[in-house]
Protein backbone atom coordinates (compact mmCIF):
# COMPACT_ATOMS: atom_id res chain seq x y z
CA UNK A 1 -2.07 5.65 11.26
CA UNK A 2 -4.12 3.13 9.31
CA UNK A 3 -4.02 3.15 5.50
CA UNK A 4 -7.79 3.68 5.32
CA UNK A 5 -7.34 7.02 7.13
CA UNK A 6 -5.01 8.44 4.46
CA UNK A 7 -7.90 9.43 2.20
CA UNK A 8 -6.24 10.30 -1.12
CA UNK A 9 -3.90 12.91 0.32
CA UNK A 10 -1.46 12.19 -2.48
CA UNK A 11 1.86 13.93 -2.07
CA UNK A 12 1.49 14.09 1.72
CA UNK A 13 1.68 10.34 2.16
CA UNK A 14 4.70 8.11 2.78
CA UNK A 15 3.26 5.52 0.39
CA UNK A 16 3.15 7.87 -2.63
CA UNK A 17 6.04 6.25 -4.51
CA UNK A 18 4.24 2.91 -4.40
CA UNK A 19 0.96 4.25 -5.84
CA UNK A 20 0.09 5.28 -9.36
CA UNK A 21 -0.75 8.79 -10.46
CA UNK A 22 -3.42 10.51 -8.33
CA UNK A 23 -6.87 9.01 -8.97
CA UNK A 24 -5.37 6.12 -10.97
CA UNK A 25 -6.23 2.45 -10.56
CA UNK A 26 -3.32 2.07 -8.12
CA UNK A 27 -4.41 3.90 -4.97
CA UNK A 28 -3.38 1.93 -1.90
CA UNK A 29 -5.42 4.06 0.52
CA UNK A 30 -8.62 3.30 -1.42
CA UNK A 31 -8.19 -0.47 -1.28
CA UNK A 32 -10.59 -2.01 1.23
CA UNK A 33 -8.19 -4.88 1.95
CA UNK A 34 -5.64 -2.45 3.47
CA UNK A 35 -7.98 -0.11 5.39
CA UNK A 36 -6.96 -1.46 8.83
CA UNK A 37 -3.26 -1.99 8.08
CA UNK A 38 -0.74 0.33 9.71
CA UNK A 39 1.00 2.42 7.05
CA UNK A 40 4.45 1.81 8.58
CA UNK A 41 3.97 -1.97 8.49
CA UNK A 42 2.74 -1.78 4.89
CA UNK A 43 5.75 0.36 3.92
CA UNK A 44 8.17 -2.13 5.50
CA UNK A 45 6.58 -5.03 3.61
CA UNK A 46 6.38 -3.30 0.24
CA UNK A 47 9.99 -2.13 0.43
CA UNK A 48 11.14 -5.72 0.94
CA UNK A 49 9.01 -7.15 -1.88
CA UNK A 50 10.96 -8.65 -4.78
CA UNK A 51 8.15 -8.16 -7.30
CA UNK A 52 8.72 -5.89 -10.31
CA UNK A 53 5.51 -3.91 -10.90
CA UNK A 54 3.64 -1.73 -8.41
CA UNK A 55 0.53 -3.89 -8.59
CA UNK A 56 2.57 -7.05 -8.07
CA UNK A 57 4.32 -5.55 -5.01
CA UNK A 58 0.97 -4.45 -3.57
CA UNK A 59 -0.48 -7.93 -4.10
CA UNK A 60 2.65 -9.45 -2.54
CA UNK A 61 2.13 -7.32 0.57
CA UNK A 62 -1.48 -8.49 0.80
CA UNK A 63 -0.39 -12.12 0.51
CA UNK A 64 2.26 -11.65 3.19
CA UNK A 65 -0.22 -9.94 5.52
CA UNK A 66 -2.59 -12.88 5.14
CA UNK A 67 0.28 -15.22 6.04
CA UNK A 68 0.88 -13.23 9.22
CA UNK A 69 4.10 -11.40 8.44
């Protein structure tokens, strides 16, 4: 399933621990840059990120996706 298809189903999503509170500024499924990314691939990348904050880990995933990881 693509991240763009998750549609704010907070609590039912495998990415929930990497997002902020529901309807906060950290909502991975609402980010246009991830709409066509497979959620399993995103999860693998974010779990291997060495960044400290949620936003930094999310940005790290985006950077790594652009590099072709």
